[in-house]
Amino acid sequence: MTIGEFQKAIRDQYFAKDSRRGVGGTFLWFVEEVGELAEAIRHGTAEERASEFADVLAWLSTLASMSGVDLEAAAAGKYGKGCPRCGRTPCGCGE
């Protein structure tokens, strides 16, 4: 599944419900999921981490759709040709 296909699947499943909540409310859900991911990274099983990564990606996809952003195009445009600062892969920027 590509990023674009994933964004469409999430949009098809949840866009109407998430739109009623609005960008602000949806962003709060996203932040909560990021917190759950942090907890899973620190103390969770591999299965819990995978589930939380998927949740964060789903909420990010919803926010992008609500904001009119094509995540696949945005990611490719910014990172598709290497580091956005130095243009190299791997990145050659200092810490």
N, C-alpha and C. Protein backbone atom coordinates (compact mmCIF):
# COMPACT_ATOMS: atom_id res chain seq x y z
N MET A 1 0.85 -1.17 0.00
CA MET A 1 0.00 0.00 0.00
C MET A 1 0.90 1.24 0.00
N THR A 2 0.64 2.15 -0.90
CA THR A 2 1.39 3.40 -0.94
C THR A 2 0.85 4.37 0.11
N ILE A 3 1.58 5.44 0.33
CA ILE A 3 1.10 6.47 1.24
C ILE A 3 -0.22 7.04 0.73
N GLY A 4 -0.30 7.28 -0.56
CA GLY A 4 -1.52 7.81 -1.15
C GLY A 4 -2.70 6.86 -0.99
N GLU A 5 -2.47 5.58 -1.19
CA GLU A 5 -3.54 4.59 -1.01
C GLU A 5 -3.98 4.54 0.45
N PHE A 6 -3.03 4.62 1.37
CA PHE A 6 -3.37 4.62 2.78
C PHE A 6 -4.19 5.86 3.13
N GLN A 7 -3.76 7.02 2.66
CA GLN A 7 -4.49 8.25 2.96
C GLN A 7 -5.91 8.16 2.42
N LYS A 8 -6.09 7.61 1.23
CA LYS A 8 -7.43 7.46 0.66
C LYS A 8 -8.27 6.49 1.49
N ALA A 9 -7.68 5.38 1.91
CA ALA A 9 -8.42 4.40 2.71
C ALA A 9 -8.89 5.04 4.02
N ILE A 10 -8.02 5.79 4.68
CA ILE A 10 -8.40 6.45 5.93
C ILE A 10 -9.44 7.52 5.66
N ARG A 11 -9.28 8.27 4.58
CA ARG A 11 -10.26 9.30 4.22
C ARG A 11 -11.62 8.66 3.97
N ASP A 12 -11.65 7.56 3.22
CA ASP A 12 -12.91 6.88 2.93
C ASP A 12 -13.58 6.37 4.20
N GLN A 13 -12.78 5.89 5.14
CA GLN A 13 -13.33 5.32 6.38
C GLN A 13 -13.77 6.37 7.39
N TYR A 14 -13.01 7.45 7.53
CA TYR A 14 -13.21 8.33 8.69
C TYR A 14 -13.42 9.81 8.39
N PHE A 15 -13.31 10.25 7.13
CA PHE A 15 -13.30 11.69 6.85
C PHE A 15 -14.55 12.40 7.34
N ALA A 16 -15.72 11.82 7.10
CA ALA A 16 -16.96 12.49 7.50
C ALA A 16 -17.00 12.69 9.01
N LYS A 17 -16.69 11.65 9.75
CA LYS A 17 -16.72 11.73 11.22
C LYS A 17 -15.65 12.69 11.73
N ASP A 18 -14.44 12.59 11.18
CA ASP A 18 -13.36 13.46 11.64
C ASP A 18 -13.62 14.91 11.27
N SER A 19 -14.25 15.16 10.13
CA SER A 19 -14.55 16.53 9.71
C SER A 19 -15.53 17.19 10.67
N ARG A 20 -16.48 16.42 11.20
CA ARG A 20 -17.42 16.98 12.17
C ARG A 20 -16.69 17.43 13.44
N ARG A 21 -15.60 16.75 13.78
CA ARG A 21 -14.80 17.09 14.96
C ARG A 21 -13.98 18.35 14.69
N GLY A 22 -13.61 18.57 13.44
CA GLY A 22 -12.80 19.72 13.06
C GLY A 22 -11.31 19.45 13.20
N VAL A 23 -10.51 20.31 12.60
CA VAL A 23 -9.06 20.14 12.62
C VAL A 23 -8.53 20.23 14.04
N GLY A 24 -9.02 21.18 14.82
CA GLY A 24 -8.52 21.34 16.18
C GLY A 24 -8.78 20.11 17.04
N GLY A 25 -10.00 19.61 17.02
CA GLY A 25 -10.34 18.42 17.79
C GLY A 25 -9.59 17.19 17.29
N THR A 26 -9.46 17.08 15.99
CA THR A 26 -8.75 15.94 15.41
C THR A 26 -7.27 16.01 15.76
N PHE A 27 -6.71 17.21 15.78
CA PHE A 27 -5.31 17.36 16.16
C PHE A 27 -5.09 16.89 17.60
N LEU A 28 -6.03 17.18 18.49
CA LEU A 28 -5.90 16.71 19.87
C LEU A 28 -5.89 15.19 19.94
N TRP A 29 -6.72 14.53 19.13
CA TRP A 29 -6.69 13.06 19.07
C TRP A 29 -5.33 12.58 18.56
N PHE A 30 -4.80 13.26 17.56
CA PHE A 30 -3.48 12.92 17.01
C PHE A 30 -2.42 13.00 18.10
N VAL A 31 -2.41 14.09 18.85
CA VAL A 31 -1.42 14.27 19.91
C VAL A 31 -1.57 13.17 20.97
N GLU A 32 -2.79 12.81 21.30
CA GLU A 32 -3.01 11.72 22.26
C GLU A 32 -2.41 10.42 21.73
N GLU A 33 -2.59 10.17 20.44
CA GLU A 33 -2.01 8.95 19.85
C GLU A 33 -0.49 8.99 19.87
N VAL A 34 0.10 10.16 19.66
CA VAL A 34 1.56 10.29 19.75
C VAL A 34 2.01 9.94 21.17
N GLY A 35 1.26 10.37 22.16
CA GLY A 35 1.57 10.02 23.54
C GLY A 35 1.50 8.52 23.78
N GLU A 36 0.47 7.88 23.20
CA GLU A 36 0.36 6.42 23.32
C GLU A 36 1.52 5.72 22.63
N LEU A 37 1.98 6.28 21.51
CA LEU A 37 3.13 5.72 20.82
C LEU A 37 4.38 5.86 21.69
N ALA A 38 4.54 7.00 22.33
CA ALA A 38 5.70 7.19 23.21
C ALA A 38 5.70 6.15 24.32
N GLU A 39 4.55 5.89 24.89
CA GLU A 39 4.45 4.89 25.95
C GLU A 39 4.77 3.49 25.41
N ALA A 40 4.28 3.19 24.21
CA ALA A 40 4.56 1.88 23.62
C ALA A 40 6.04 1.71 23.29
N ILE A 41 6.68 2.77 22.85
CA ILE A 41 8.12 2.70 22.56
C ILE A 41 8.89 2.43 23.85
N ARG A 42 8.49 3.06 24.92
CA ARG A 42 9.19 2.89 26.20
C ARG A 42 8.91 1.55 26.86
N HIS A 43 7.64 1.10 26.82
CA HIS A 43 7.27 -0.05 27.64
C HIS A 43 6.45 -1.12 26.92
N GLY A 44 6.15 -0.91 25.66
CA GLY A 44 5.24 -1.83 24.98
C GLY A 44 5.93 -2.99 24.29
N THR A 45 5.10 -3.90 23.85
CA THR A 45 5.56 -5.03 23.06
C THR A 45 5.73 -4.58 21.61
N ALA A 46 6.33 -5.41 20.81
CA ALA A 46 6.48 -5.10 19.38
C ALA A 46 5.10 -4.92 18.73
N GLU A 47 4.15 -5.73 19.12
CA GLU A 47 2.79 -5.63 18.58
C GLU A 47 2.13 -4.30 18.98
N GLU A 48 2.32 -3.89 20.22
CA GLU A 48 1.75 -2.62 20.68
C GLU A 48 2.40 -1.44 19.96
N ARG A 49 3.73 -1.51 19.76
CA ARG A 49 4.40 -0.43 19.03
C ARG A 49 3.89 -0.34 17.61
N ALA A 50 3.75 -1.47 16.94
CA ALA A 50 3.25 -1.47 15.56
C ALA A 50 1.85 -0.87 15.49
N SER A 51 1.00 -1.24 16.43
CA SER A 51 -0.37 -0.73 16.45
C SER A 51 -0.39 0.78 16.66
N GLU A 52 0.43 1.28 17.55
CA GLU A 52 0.46 2.72 17.82
C GLU A 52 1.07 3.50 16.65
N PHE A 53 2.10 2.95 16.00
CA PHE A 53 2.63 3.60 14.80
C PHE A 53 1.53 3.71 13.74
N ALA A 54 0.75 2.66 13.56
CA ALA A 54 -0.35 2.68 12.59
C ALA A 54 -1.38 3.73 12.97
N ASP A 55 -1.71 3.82 14.25
CA ASP A 55 -2.68 4.82 14.69
C ASP A 55 -2.19 6.24 14.42
N VAL A 56 -0.91 6.50 14.73
CA VAL A 56 -0.36 7.84 14.49
C VAL A 56 -0.41 8.17 13.00
N LEU A 57 -0.05 7.21 12.16
CA LEU A 57 -0.10 7.45 10.72
C LEU A 57 -1.53 7.71 10.25
N ALA A 58 -2.50 6.99 10.81
CA ALA A 58 -3.90 7.19 10.43
C ALA A 58 -4.37 8.59 10.80
N TRP A 59 -4.09 9.02 12.02
CA TRP A 59 -4.51 10.36 12.44
C TRP A 59 -3.78 11.45 11.66
N LEU A 60 -2.51 11.24 11.34
CA LEU A 60 -1.77 12.19 10.51
C LEU A 60 -2.39 12.28 9.13
N SER A 61 -2.78 11.14 8.59
CA SER A 61 -3.42 11.10 7.27
C SER A 61 -4.74 11.87 7.28
N THR A 62 -5.51 11.69 8.35
CA THR A 62 -6.78 12.41 8.47
C THR A 62 -6.54 13.91 8.52
N LEU A 63 -5.58 14.34 9.33
CA LEU A 63 -5.27 15.77 9.40
C LEU A 63 -4.82 16.32 8.06
N ALA A 64 -4.01 15.56 7.35
CA ALA A 64 -3.57 16.00 6.02
C ALA A 64 -4.76 16.14 5.08
N SER A 65 -5.63 15.15 5.08
CA SER A 65 -6.81 15.22 4.21
C SER A 65 -7.69 16.42 4.56
N MET A 66 -7.90 16.64 5.84
CA MET A 66 -8.73 17.77 6.27
C MET A 66 -8.10 19.11 5.89
N SER A 67 -6.77 19.11 5.74
CA SER A 67 -6.04 20.34 5.41
C SER A 67 -5.74 20.46 3.91
N GLY A 68 -6.23 19.50 3.13
CA GLY A 68 -6.01 19.55 1.68
C GLY A 68 -4.59 19.19 1.26
N VAL A 69 -3.91 18.39 2.06
CA VAL A 69 -2.53 18.01 1.76
C VAL A 69 -2.47 16.55 1.31
N ASP A 70 -1.84 16.32 0.17
CA ASP A 70 -1.56 14.97 -0.33
C ASP A 70 -0.25 14.54 0.32
N LEU A 71 -0.33 13.64 1.30
CA LEU A 71 0.87 13.25 2.05
C LEU A 71 1.95 12.66 1.17
N GLU A 72 1.56 11.82 0.22
CA GLU A 72 2.57 11.19 -0.64
C GLU A 72 3.32 12.24 -1.45
N ALA A 73 2.59 13.18 -2.03
CA ALA A 73 3.22 14.24 -2.81
C ALA A 73 4.08 15.14 -1.93
N ALA A 74 3.58 15.45 -0.73
CA ALA A 74 4.34 16.31 0.19
C ALA A 74 5.64 15.63 0.61
N ALA A 75 5.57 14.34 0.95
CA ALA A 75 6.77 13.62 1.37
C ALA A 75 7.77 13.50 0.23
N ALA A 76 7.27 13.15 -0.96
CA ALA A 76 8.15 13.02 -2.11
C ALA A 76 8.78 14.36 -2.47
N GLY A 77 7.99 15.42 -2.40
CA GLY A 77 8.50 16.74 -2.73
C GLY A 77 9.58 17.22 -1.78
N LYS A 78 9.44 16.88 -0.52
CA LYS A 78 10.41 17.36 0.46
C LYS A 78 11.59 16.42 0.64
N TYR A 79 11.35 15.10 0.64
CA TYR A 79 12.40 14.14 0.97
C TYR A 79 12.78 13.19 -0.17
N GLY A 80 12.11 13.28 -1.29
CA GLY A 80 12.31 12.32 -2.38
C GLY A 80 13.65 12.40 -3.08
N LYS A 81 14.36 13.51 -2.93
CA LYS A 81 15.65 13.67 -3.60
C LYS A 81 16.79 13.84 -2.60
N GLY A 82 16.59 13.30 -1.41
CA GLY A 82 17.61 13.40 -0.38
C GLY A 82 17.24 14.39 0.69
N CYS A 83 18.18 14.65 1.55
CA CYS A 83 17.98 15.58 2.66
C CYS A 83 17.56 16.95 2.11
N PRO A 84 16.50 17.54 2.67
CA PRO A 84 16.07 18.85 2.16
C PRO A 84 17.10 19.96 2.36
N ARG A 85 18.03 19.78 3.31
CA ARG A 85 19.04 20.82 3.55
C ARG A 85 20.27 20.63 2.67
N CYS A 86 20.82 19.41 2.68
CA CYS A 86 22.10 19.20 1.98
C CYS A 86 21.91 18.45 0.65
N GLY A 87 20.75 17.85 0.44
CA GLY A 87 20.48 17.13 -0.80
C GLY A 87 21.11 15.76 -0.89
N ARG A 88 21.74 15.29 0.18
CA ARG A 88 22.45 14.03 0.12
C ARG A 88 21.66 12.89 0.78
N THR A 89 21.96 11.67 0.33
CA THR A 89 21.45 10.45 0.96
C THR A 89 22.62 9.51 1.13
N PRO A 90 23.01 9.17 2.36
CA PRO A 90 22.41 9.66 3.60
C PRO A 90 22.76 11.12 3.84
N CYS A 91 22.02 11.71 4.74
CA CYS A 91 22.20 13.12 5.08
C CYS A 91 23.64 13.37 5.52
N GLY A 92 24.20 14.47 5.03
CA GLY A 92 25.55 14.85 5.41
C GLY A 92 25.60 16.04 6.33
N CYS A 93 24.42 16.51 6.80
CA CYS A 93 24.37 17.63 7.73
C CYS A 93 24.93 17.23 9.08
N GLY A 94 25.48 18.15 9.77
CA GLY A 94 25.95 17.88 11.14
C GLY A 94 24.76 17.71 12.07
N GLU A 95 25.04 17.27 13.25
CA GLU A 95 23.98 17.07 14.25
C GLU A 95 23.27 18.36 14.48
